PDB file of N, CA and C in Angstrom:
ATOM      1  N   MET A   1      -0.670  -0.643 -14.782  1.00  0.00           N
ATOM      2  CA  MET A   1       0.001  -0.102 -13.431  1.00  0.00           C
ATOM      3  C   MET A   1       1.207  -0.238 -14.059  1.00  0.00           C
ATOM      4  N   ARG A   2       1.476   1.075 -13.545  1.00  0.00           N
ATOM      5  CA  ARG A   2       3.406   1.613 -13.571  1.00  0.00           C
ATOM      6  C   ARG A   2       3.805   1.225 -12.601  1.00  0.00           C
ATOM      7  N   LEU A   3       3.943  -0.711 -12.160  1.00  0.00           N
ATOM      8  CA  LEU A   3       4.911  -1.380 -11.262  1.00  0.00           C
ATOM      9  C   LEU A   3       5.418  -3.085 -12.171  1.00  0.00           C
ATOM     10  N   ASN A   4       6.332  -3.226 -12.117  1.00  0.00           N
ATOM     11  CA  ASN A   4       6.998  -4.337 -12.926  1.00  0.00           C
ATOM     12  C   ASN A   4       5.974  -5.224 -11.414  1.00  0.00           C
ATOM     13  N   GLN A   5       6.478  -6.691 -12.444  1.00  0.00           N
ATOM     14  CA  GLN A   5       6.119  -7.597 -11.462  1.00  0.00           C
ATOM     15  C   GLN A   5       7.137  -8.006 -10.652  1.00  0.00           C
ATOM     16  N   LYS A   6       8.475  -7.882 -10.172  1.00  0.00           N
ATOM     17  CA  LYS A   6       9.041  -7.968  -8.965  1.00  0.00           C
ATOM     18  C   LYS A   6       8.851  -6.962  -7.810  1.00  0.00           C
ATOM     19  N   GLN A   7       8.339  -5.739  -8.602  1.00  0.00           N
ATOM     20  CA  GLN A   7       8.150  -4.761  -7.749  1.00  0.00           C
ATOM     21  C   GLN A   7       7.117  -4.971  -7.157  1.00  0.00           C
ATOM     22  N   ALA A   8       6.047  -5.265  -7.696  1.00  0.00           N
ATOM     23  CA  ALA A   8       4.258  -5.550  -6.796  1.00  0.00           C
ATOM     24  C   ALA A   8       4.718  -7.058  -6.002  1.00  0.00           C
ATOM     25  N   GLU A   9       5.725  -7.917  -6.270  1.00  0.00           N
ATOM     26  CA  GLU A   9       5.658  -8.786  -5.463  1.00  0.00           C
ATOM     27  C   GLU A   9       6.658  -8.210  -4.633  1.00  0.00           C
ATOM     28  N   MET A  10       7.411  -7.871  -4.113  1.00  0.00           N
ATOM     29  CA  MET A  10       8.172  -7.016  -3.212  1.00  0.00           C
ATOM     30  C   MET A  10       7.489  -6.137  -2.552  1.00  0.00           C
ATOM     31  N   LEU A  11       6.167  -4.948  -3.076  1.00  0.00           N
ATOM     32  CA  LEU A  11       5.582  -4.845  -2.138  1.00  0.00           C
ATOM     33  C   LEU A  11       4.836  -4.918  -1.421  1.00  0.00           C
ATOM     34  N   LYS A  12       4.321  -6.831  -2.011  1.00  0.00           N
ATOM     35  CA  LYS A  12       3.362  -7.452  -1.315  1.00  0.00           C
ATOM     36  C   LYS A  12       4.219  -8.110   0.237  1.00  0.00           C
ATOM     37  N   SER A  13       5.246  -8.757  -0.412  1.00  0.00           N
ATOM     38  CA  SER A  13       6.339  -8.898   0.807  1.00  0.00           C
ATOM     39  C   SER A  13       6.385  -8.532   1.860  1.00  0.00           C
ATOM     40  N   LEU A  14       7.079  -7.231   1.576  1.00  0.00           N
ATOM     41  CA  LEU A  14       7.095  -5.948   2.733  1.00  0.00           C
ATOM     42  C   LEU A  14       5.866  -5.733   3.381  1.00  0.00           C
ATOM     43  N   ALA A  15       4.620  -6.249   2.574  1.00  0.00           N
ATOM     44  CA  ALA A  15       3.490  -5.721   3.239  1.00  0.00           C
ATOM     45  C   ALA A  15       2.902  -6.954   4.315  1.00  0.00           C
ATOM     46  N   ALA A  16       3.480  -8.151   3.520  1.00  0.00           N
ATOM     47  CA  ALA A  16       2.945  -9.409   4.828  1.00  0.00           C
ATOM     48  C   ALA A  16       4.408  -9.357   5.662  1.00  0.00           C
ATOM     49  N   ALA A  17       5.328  -9.083   5.825  1.00  0.00           N
ATOM     50  CA  ALA A  17       6.444  -8.795   6.608  1.00  0.00           C
ATOM     51  C   ALA A  17       5.837  -8.374   8.162  1.00  0.00           C
ATOM     52  N   GLU A  18       4.985  -7.168   7.519  1.00  0.00           N
ATOM     53  CA  GLU A  18       4.757  -6.575   8.577  1.00  0.00           C
ATOM     54  C   GLU A  18       3.447  -6.235   9.170  1.00  0.00           C
ATOM     55  N   PHE A  19       2.513  -6.809   8.580  1.00  0.00           N
ATOM     56  CA  PHE A  19       1.000  -6.869   8.698  1.00  0.00           C
ATOM     57  C   PHE A  19       0.080  -8.514   8.974  1.00  0.00           C
ATOM     58  N   GLY A  20       1.045  -9.048   8.240  1.00  0.00           N
ATOM     59  CA  GLY A  20       0.687 -10.522   7.778  1.00  0.00           C
ATOM     60  C   GLY A  20       0.220 -10.776   6.904  1.00  0.00           C
ATOM     61  N   ASN A  21       0.524 -12.467   6.249  1.00  0.00           N
ATOM     62  CA  ASN A  21       0.249 -12.689   4.904  1.00  0.00           C
ATOM     63  C   ASN A  21      -1.215 -12.544   4.001  1.00  0.00           C
ATOM     64  N   ARG A  22      -1.937 -12.487   5.602  1.00  0.00           N
ATOM     65  CA  ARG A  22      -3.154 -12.421   5.026  1.00  0.00           C
ATOM     66  C   ARG A  22      -3.325 -10.544   4.513  1.00  0.00           C
ATOM     67  N   ALA A  23      -2.957  -9.756   4.672  1.00  0.00           N
ATOM     68  CA  ALA A  23      -3.172  -8.276   4.558  1.00  0.00           C
ATOM     69  C   ALA A  23      -2.828  -8.705   2.553  1.00  0.00           C
ATOM     70  N   GLU A  24      -4.090  -7.489   2.521  1.00  0.00           N
ATOM     71  CA  GLU A  24      -4.613  -7.385   1.109  1.00  0.00           C
ATOM     72  C   GLU A  24      -3.965  -6.209   0.925  1.00  0.00           C
ATOM     73  N   VAL A  25      -3.233  -5.869  -0.207  1.00  0.00           N
ATOM     74  CA  VAL A  25      -2.314  -5.061  -0.873  1.00  0.00           C
ATOM     75  C   VAL A  25      -3.171  -3.950  -1.630  1.00  0.00           C
ATOM     76  N   ARG A  26      -3.233  -2.862  -1.933  1.00  0.00           N
ATOM     77  CA  ARG A  26      -3.929  -2.661  -3.554  1.00  0.00           C
ATOM     78  C   ARG A  26      -2.455  -1.392  -3.901  1.00  0.00           C
ATOM     79  N   LEU A  27      -2.497  -1.229  -5.717  1.00  0.00           N
ATOM     80  CA  LEU A  27      -2.008   0.150  -5.309  1.00  0.00           C
ATOM     81  C   LEU A  27      -3.277   0.839  -6.113  1.00  0.00           C
ATOM     82  N   PHE A  28      -2.838   2.117  -5.884  1.00  0.00           N
ATOM     83  CA  PHE A  28      -4.354   3.063  -6.147  1.00  0.00           C
ATOM     84  C   PHE A  28      -3.608   4.220  -6.479  1.00  0.00           C
ATOM     85  N   GLY A  29      -4.272   5.180  -6.992  1.00  0.00           N
ATOM     86  CA  GLY A  29      -3.690   6.892  -7.449  1.00  0.00           C
ATOM     87  C   GLY A  29      -3.318   6.514  -8.905  1.00  0.00           C
ATOM     88  N   SER A  30      -2.221   8.051  -9.316  1.00  0.00           N
ATOM     89  CA  SER A  30      -2.204   7.466 -10.626  1.00  0.00           C
ATOM     90  C   SER A  30      -1.001   6.392 -11.499  1.00  0.00           C
ATOM     91  N   ARG A  31      -0.581   5.678 -10.347  1.00  0.00           N
ATOM     92  CA  ARG A  31       0.302   4.229 -10.782  1.00  0.00           C
ATOM     93  C   ARG A  31      -0.079   3.267 -11.019  1.00  0.00           C
ATOM     94  N   THR A  32      -2.076   3.771 -11.317  1.00  0.00           N
ATOM     95  CA  THR A  32      -2.882   2.667 -11.795  1.00  0.00           C
ATOM     96  C   THR A  32      -3.209   2.699 -13.566  1.00  0.00           C
ATOM     97  N   ASP A  33      -2.441   4.342 -13.330  1.00  0.00           N
ATOM     98  CA  ASP A  33      -2.841   4.645 -14.721  1.00  0.00           C
ATOM     99  C   ASP A  33      -1.412   4.738 -16.227  1.00  0.00           C
ATOM    100  N   ASP A  34      -1.600   4.146 -17.017  1.00  0.00           N
ATOM    101  CA  ASP A  34      -1.016   3.378 -17.483  1.00  0.00           C
ATOM    102  C   ASP A  34       0.231   4.562 -18.338  1.00  0.00           C
ATOM    103  N   ALA A  35      -1.388   5.413 -18.646  1.00  0.00           N
ATOM    104  CA  ALA A  35      -0.560   6.455 -19.803  1.00  0.00           C
ATOM    105  C   ALA A  35       0.046   8.195 -18.864  1.00  0.00           C
ATOM    106  N   ALA A  36      -0.180   8.088 -17.516  1.00  0.00           N
ATOM    107  CA  ALA A  36       0.375   8.631 -16.950  1.00  0.00           C
ATOM    108  C   ALA A  36       1.843   8.685 -16.731  1.00  0.00           C
ATOM    109  N   ARG A  37       2.138   9.587 -16.043  1.00  0.00           N
ATOM    110  CA  ARG A  37       4.103   9.829 -15.736  1.00  0.00           C
ATOM    111  C   ARG A  37       4.188  10.306 -14.709  1.00  0.00           C
ATOM    112  N   GLY A  38       5.238   9.660 -13.965  1.00  0.00           N
ATOM    113  CA  GLY A  38       5.900  10.416 -12.533  1.00  0.00           C
ATOM    114  C   GLY A  38       5.002  10.335 -11.333  1.00  0.00           C
ATOM    115  N   GLY A  39       5.010  10.687 -10.559  1.00  0.00           N
ATOM    116  CA  GLY A  39       3.998   9.905  -9.354  1.00  0.00           C
ATOM    117  C   GLY A  39       4.583   9.396  -8.126  1.00  0.00           C
ATOM    118  N   ASP A  40       3.949   9.417  -7.209  1.00  0.00           N
ATOM    119  CA  ASP A  40       4.245   8.557  -6.111  1.00  0.00           C
ATOM    120  C   ASP A  40       3.750   7.385  -6.481  1.00  0.00           C
ATOM    121  N   VAL A  41       3.693   6.070  -5.295  1.00  0.00           N
ATOM    122  CA  VAL A  41       3.243   4.709  -5.257  1.00  0.00           C
ATOM    123  C   VAL A  41       2.139   4.763  -3.767  1.00  0.00           C
ATOM    124  N   ASP A  42       1.576   4.582  -4.556  1.00  0.00           N
ATOM    125  CA  ASP A  42       0.164   4.856  -3.404  1.00  0.00           C
ATOM    126  C   ASP A  42      -0.668   3.787  -2.740  1.00  0.00           C
ATOM    127  N   LEU A  43      -0.473   2.910  -1.929  1.00  0.00           N
ATOM    128  CA  LEU A  43      -0.514   1.550  -1.409  1.00  0.00           C
ATOM    129  C   LEU A  43      -2.050   1.574  -0.352  1.00  0.00           C
ATOM    130  N   PHE A  44      -3.130   0.707  -0.420  1.00  0.00           N
ATOM    131  CA  PHE A  44      -4.280   0.347   0.175  1.00  0.00           C
ATOM    132  C   PHE A  44      -3.537  -0.668   0.810  1.00  0.00           C
ATOM    133  N   VAL A  45      -3.327  -0.782   1.832  1.00  0.00           N
ATOM    134  CA  VAL A  45      -3.202  -2.413   2.505  1.00  0.00           C
ATOM    135  C   VAL A  45      -4.265  -2.380   3.608  1.00  0.00           C
ATOM    136  N   GLU A  46      -5.104  -3.742   3.677  1.00  0.00           N
ATOM    137  CA  GLU A  46      -6.141  -3.835   4.392  1.00  0.00           C
ATOM    138  C   GLU A  46      -5.873  -5.518   5.537  1.00  0.00           C
ATOM    139  N   VAL A  47      -6.192  -5.461   6.489  1.00  0.00           N
ATOM    140  CA  VAL A  47      -6.020  -6.406   7.118  1.00  0.00           C
ATOM    141  C   VAL A  47      -7.823  -6.152   8.284  1.00  0.00           C
ATOM    142  N   SER A  48      -7.436  -7.951   8.206  1.00  0.00           N
ATOM    143  CA  SER A  48      -9.326  -7.820   8.808  1.00  0.00           C
ATOM    144  C   SER A  48      -9.259  -8.054  10.382  1.00  0.00           C
ATOM    145  N   SER A  49      -7.938  -8.207  10.711  1.00  0.00           N
ATOM    146  CA  SER A  49      -7.839  -8.108  12.335  1.00  0.00           C
ATOM    147  C   SER A  49      -7.199  -6.400  12.962  1.00  0.00           C
ATOM    148  N   PRO A  50      -7.413  -6.101  14.418  1.00  0.00           N
ATOM    149  CA  PRO A  50      -7.061  -4.714  14.563  1.00  0.00           C
ATOM    150  C   PRO A  50      -5.735  -4.970  14.717  1.00  0.00           C
ATOM    151  N   ILE A  51      -5.243  -3.261  14.462  1.00  0.00           N
ATOM    152  CA  ILE A  51      -3.306  -3.122  14.427  1.00  0.00           C
ATOM    153  C   ILE A  51      -3.063  -2.628  15.260  1.00  0.00           C
ATOM    154  N   ASP A  52      -2.242  -2.643  16.490  1.00  0.00           N
ATOM    155  CA  ASP A  52      -1.644  -1.774  17.434  1.00  0.00           C
ATOM    156  C   ASP A  52      -0.758  -1.567  16.312  1.00  0.00           C
ATOM    157  N   ARG A  53      -0.669   0.095  17.421  1.00  0.00           N
ATOM    158  CA  ARG A  53       0.297   1.576  16.789  1.00  0.00           C
ATOM    159  C   ARG A  53       0.489   1.268  15.259  1.00  0.00           C
ATOM    160  N   PRO A  54      -0.448   1.306  14.819  1.00  0.00           N
ATOM    161  CA  PRO A  54      -0.825   2.138  13.371  1.00  0.00           C
ATOM    162  C   PRO A  54       0.026   2.543  12.199  1.00  0.00           C
ATOM    163  N   ALA A  55       0.188   3.960  12.875  1.00  0.00           N
ATOM    164  CA  ALA A  55       0.984   4.887  12.228  1.00  0.00           C
ATOM    165  C   ALA A  55       2.498   4.658  12.245  1.00  0.00           C
ATOM    166  N   LEU A  56       2.751   4.512  13.174  1.00  0.00           N
ATOM    167  CA  LEU A  56       3.966   3.306  13.046  1.00  0.00           C
ATOM    168  C   LEU A  56       4.269   2.565  12.363  1.00  0.00           C
ATOM    169  N   ARG A  57       3.533   1.182  12.046  1.00  0.00           N
ATOM    170  CA  ARG A  57       3.766   0.347  11.219  1.00  0.00           C
ATOM    171  C   ARG A  57       4.107   0.836   9.667  1.00  0.00           C
ATOM    172  N   SER A  58       2.243   1.815   9.949  1.00  0.00           N
ATOM    173  CA  SER A  58       2.531   2.326   8.262  1.00  0.00           C
ATOM    174  C   SER A  58       3.796   3.091   8.003  1.00  0.00           C
ATOM    175  N   ALA A  59       4.572   3.767   8.864  1.00  0.00           N
ATOM    176  CA  ALA A  59       5.836   4.496   8.124  1.00  0.00           C
ATOM    177  C   ALA A  59       6.742   3.818   8.569  1.00  0.00           C
ATOM    178  N   ARG A  60       6.579   2.628   8.360  1.00  0.00           N
ATOM    179  CA  ARG A  60       7.667   1.440   8.719  1.00  0.00           C
ATOM    180  C   ARG A  60       7.573   0.664   7.470  1.00  0.00           C
ATOM    181  N   LEU A  61       6.469   0.275   7.098  1.00  0.00           N
ATOM    182  CA  LEU A  61       6.584   0.181   5.703  1.00  0.00           C
ATOM    183  C   LEU A  61       7.316   0.981   5.239  1.00  0.00           C
ATOM    184  N   ALA A  62       6.429   2.331   4.743  1.00  0.00           N
ATOM    185  CA  ALA A  62       6.742   3.048   3.720  1.00  0.00           C
ATOM    186  C   ALA A  62       8.198   2.906   3.689  1.00  0.00           C
ATOM    187  N   ALA A  63       8.532   3.821   4.797  1.00  0.00           N
ATOM    188  CA  ALA A  63       9.943   3.790   4.562  1.00  0.00           C
ATOM    189  C   ALA A  63      11.178   2.108   3.508  1.00  0.00           C
ATOM    190  N   ARG A  64      10.230   0.845   4.294  1.00  0.00           N
ATOM    191  CA  ARG A  64      10.595   0.045   3.571  1.00  0.00           C
ATOM    192  C   ARG A  64      10.916  -0.242   2.207  1.00  0.00           C
ATOM    193  N   ALA A  65       9.618   0.309   1.535  1.00  0.00           N
ATOM    194  CA  ALA A  65       9.650   0.307   0.571  1.00  0.00           C
ATOM    195  C   ALA A  65       9.978   1.496  -0.263  1.00  0.00           C
ATOM    196  N   ILE A  66      10.643   2.811   0.446  1.00  0.00           N
ATOM    197  CA  ILE A  66      10.704   3.515  -0.490  1.00  0.00           C
ATOM    198  C   ILE A  66      11.743   3.537  -0.663  1.00  0.00           C
ATOM    199  N   ARG A  67      13.121   2.817   0.786  1.00  0.00           N
ATOM    200  CA  ARG A  67      14.469   2.048   0.554  1.00  0.00           C
ATOM    201  C   ARG A  67      14.456   1.015  -0.888  1.00  0.00           C
ATOM    202  N   ALA A  68      13.904  -0.070  -0.811  1.00  0.00           N
ATOM    203  CA  ALA A  68      13.673  -0.566  -1.701  1.00  0.00           C
ATOM    204  C   ALA A  68      13.134  -0.477  -3.337  1.00  0.00           C
ATOM    205  N   LEU A  69      12.418   0.699  -3.636  1.00  0.00           N
ATOM    206  CA  LEU A  69      12.275   0.854  -4.813  1.00  0.00           C
ATOM    207  C   LEU A  69      12.986   2.158  -4.916  1.00  0.00           C
ATOM    208  N   GLY A  70      14.346   3.026  -4.590  1.00  0.00           N
ATOM    209  CA  GLY A  70      15.527   3.340  -4.899  1.00  0.00           C
ATOM    210  C   GLY A  70      14.911   5.138  -4.445  1.00  0.00           C
ATOM    211  N   GLY A  71      13.794   5.016  -3.673  1.00  0.00           N
ATOM    212  CA  GLY A  71      13.927   6.536  -3.196  1.00  0.00           C
ATOM    213  C   GLY A  71      12.426   7.285  -3.593  1.00  0.00           C
ATOM    214  N   ARG A  72      11.632   6.370  -4.865  1.00  0.00           N
ATOM    215  CA  ARG A  72      10.411   6.712  -4.831  1.00  0.00           C
ATOM    216  C   ARG A  72       9.880   7.055  -4.127  1.00  0.00           C
ATOM    217  N   ARG A  73       8.924   8.149  -3.649  1.00  0.00           N
ATOM    218  CA  ARG A  73       7.970   8.249  -2.653  1.00  0.00           C
ATOM    219  C   ARG A  73       6.943   7.240  -2.730  1.00  0.00           C
ATOM    220  N   VAL A  74       6.398   6.528  -0.901  1.00  0.00           N
ATOM    221  CA  VAL A  74       5.478   5.922  -1.286  1.00  0.00           C
ATOM    222  C   VAL A  74       4.198   6.560   0.028  1.00  0.00           C
ATOM    223  N   ASP A  75       3.446   6.238  -0.356  1.00  0.00           N
ATOM    224  CA  ASP A  75       1.490   6.569   1.065  1.00  0.00           C
ATOM    225  C   ASP A  75       1.339   5.436   0.994  1.00  0.00           C
ATOM    226  N   VAL A  76       1.725   5.401   2.321  1.00  0.00           N
ATOM    227  CA  VAL A  76       0.793   3.881   2.957  1.00  0.00           C
ATOM    228  C   VAL A  76      -0.759   4.471   3.867  1.00  0.00           C
ATOM    229  N   VAL A  77      -1.925   3.628   3.316  1.00  0.00           N
ATOM    230  CA  VAL A  77      -3.059   4.009   3.893  1.00  0.00           C
ATOM    231  C   VAL A  77      -3.216   2.482   3.983  1.00  0.00           C
ATOM    232  N   LEU A  78      -3.884   2.479   5.347  1.00  0.00           N
ATOM    233  CA  LEU A  78      -4.241   0.858   6.443  1.00  0.00           C
ATOM    234  C   LEU A  78      -5.757   1.269   6.553  1.00  0.00           C
ATOM    235  N   ALA A  79      -6.203   0.298   6.408  1.00  0.00           N
ATOM    236  CA  ALA A  79      -7.473  -0.618   7.081  1.00  0.00           C
ATOM    237  C   ALA A  79      -7.396  -1.586   7.634  1.00  0.00           C
ATOM    238  N   ALA A  80      -8.151  -0.733   9.065  1.00  0.00           N
ATOM    239  CA  ALA A  80      -8.448  -2.320   9.871  1.00  0.00           C
ATOM    240  C   ALA A  80      -9.757  -2.344  11.091  1.00  0.00           C
ATOM    241  N   PRO A  81      -9.808  -3.307  11.498  1.00  0.00           N
ATOM    242  CA  PRO A  81     -11.185  -3.096  12.546  1.00  0.00           C
ATOM    243  C   PRO A  81     -11.362  -2.162  13.358  1.00  0.00           C
ATOM    244  N   ASN A  82     -10.272  -1.974  14.147  1.00  0.00           N
ATOM    245  CA  ASN A  82     -10.044  -0.771  14.859  1.00  0.00           C
ATOM    246  C   ASN A  82      -9.689   0.319  14.572  1.00  0.00           C
ATOM    247  N   LEU A  83      -9.803   0.795  13.317  1.00  0.00           N
ATOM    248  CA  LEU A  83      -9.313   2.193  12.178  1.00  0.00           C
ATOM    249  C   LEU A  83     -10.569   2.644  11.952  1.00  0.00           C
ATOM    250  N   ALA A  84     -10.573   3.824  11.812  1.00  0.00           N
ATOM    251  CA  ALA A  84     -11.638   4.812  11.217  1.00  0.00           C
ATOM    252  C   ALA A  84     -12.096   4.374   9.596  1.00  0.00           C
ATOM    253  N   ASN A  85     -13.223   4.484   8.816  1.00  0.00           N
ATOM    254  CA  ASN A  85     -13.077   4.266   7.591  1.00  0.00           C
ATOM    255  C   ASN A  85     -13.417   5.884   7.248  1.00  0.00           C
ATOM    256  N   LEU A  86     -12.128   6.167   6.361  1.00  0.00           N
ATOM    257  CA  LEU A  86     -12.328   6.887   5.541  1.00  0.00           C
ATOM    258  C   LEU A  86     -12.713   6.813   4.151  1.00  0.00           C
ATOM    259  N   PRO A  87     -12.869   8.162   3.260  1.00  0.00           N
ATOM    260  CA  PRO A  87     -13.586   8.283   2.080  1.00  0.00           C
ATOM    261  C   PRO A  87     -12.148   7.517   1.022  1.00  0.00           C
ATOM    262  N   ILE A  88     -11.510   7.996   1.627  1.00  0.00           N
ATOM    263  CA  ILE A  88      -9.624   7.777   1.270  1.00  0.00           C
ATOM    264  C   ILE A  88      -9.464   6.152   0.739  1.00  0.00           C
ATOM    265  N   HIS A  89     -10.605   5.322   1.811  1.00  0.00           N
ATOM    266  CA  HIS A  89     -10.119   3.810   2.016  1.00  0.00           C
ATOM    267  C   HIS A  89     -11.196   3.348   0.794  1.00  0.00           C
ATOM    268  N   ASP A  90     -12.569   4.372   1.041  1.00  0.00           N
ATOM    269  CA  ASP A  90     -13.343   3.704  -0.432  1.00  0.00           C
ATOM    270  C   ASP A  90     -12.986   4.169  -1.309  1.00  0.00           C
ATOM    271  N   ILE A  91     -12.230   5.241  -1.708  1.00  0.00           N
ATOM    272  CA  ILE A  91     -11.758   5.134  -3.462  1.00  0.00           C
ATOM    273  C   ILE A  91     -10.619   4.368  -3.585  1.00  0.00           C
ATOM    274  N   ALA A  92     -10.317   4.171  -2.660  1.00  0.00           N
ATOM    275  CA  ALA A  92      -8.692   2.599  -2.702  1.00  0.00           C
ATOM    276  C   ALA A  92      -9.442   1.503  -2.907  1.00  0.00           C
ATOM    277  N   ARG A  93     -10.211   1.172  -1.957  1.00  0.00           N
ATOM    278  CA  ARG A  93     -10.968  -0.365  -2.452  1.00  0.00           C
ATOM    279  C   ARG A  93     -11.832  -0.586  -3.781  1.00  0.00           C
ATOM    280  N   SER A  94     -12.091   0.954  -4.309  1.00  0.00           N
ATOM    281  CA  SER A  94     -12.467   0.749  -5.462  1.00  0.00           C
ATOM    282  C   SER A  94     -12.287   0.994  -6.592  1.00  0.00           C
ATOM    283  N   SER A  95     -11.199   1.684  -6.730  1.00  0.00           N
ATOM    284  CA  SER A  95      -9.689   2.054  -8.187  1.00  0.00           C
ATOM    285  C   SER A  95      -8.831   1.728  -7.587  1.00  0.00           C
ATOM    286  N   GLY A  96      -7.900   0.656  -6.626  1.00  0.00           N
ATOM    287  CA  GLY A  96      -7.096  -0.005  -6.789  1.00  0.00           C
ATOM    288  C   GLY A  96      -6.866  -1.145  -7.342  1.00  0.00           C
ATOM    289  N   VAL A  97      -5.508  -1.288  -7.340  1.00  0.00           N
ATOM    290  CA  VAL A  97      -5.620  -2.672  -8.500  1.00  0.00           C
ATOM    291  C   VAL A  97      -4.882  -3.766  -7.478  1.00  0.00           C
ATOM    292  N   ARG A  98      -4.968  -4.412  -7.312  1.00  0.00           N
ATOM    293  CA  ARG A  98      -4.414  -5.787  -6.330  1.00  0.00           C
ATOM    294  C   ARG A  98      -3.378  -6.390  -6.484  1.00  0.00           C
ATOM    295  N   LEU A  99      -2.504  -5.975  -5.762  1.00  0.00           N
ATOM    296  CA  LEU A  99      -1.197  -6.589  -5.893  1.00  0.00           C
ATOM    297  C   LEU A  99      -0.561  -8.332  -5.864  1.00  0.00           C
TER     298      LEU A  99
END
C-alpha cells in the first residue's frame, strides 16, 4: 500500500468526521500496488445507514483529503443502502485494503 500510516489514519479520520465512526474505509486502485508509481488515491467508503446528499458529502471528503495530502488527487466511491450498487463497488470491496 502506497500510503504511510499517518496518511491512512488521517484519511480514516476525515471519513469518520463526514460519515461517522462506523464508516469502513478502503484504499483501492493503483495505490494498493507497491510496485506501481504515481496515481491518484481511490477511496471506498461504505456506511450501513442511508446517506443524505451523497454527492455533496463525497465531494467534501475528497476536497478535504486533497488538501491534507498536499494536492494529490483523491476520488471517493461511496456505498450506502440508499445508493445503487455498481461494479466499481464490487471491485473496491474485493481488492481494496482496509485502512
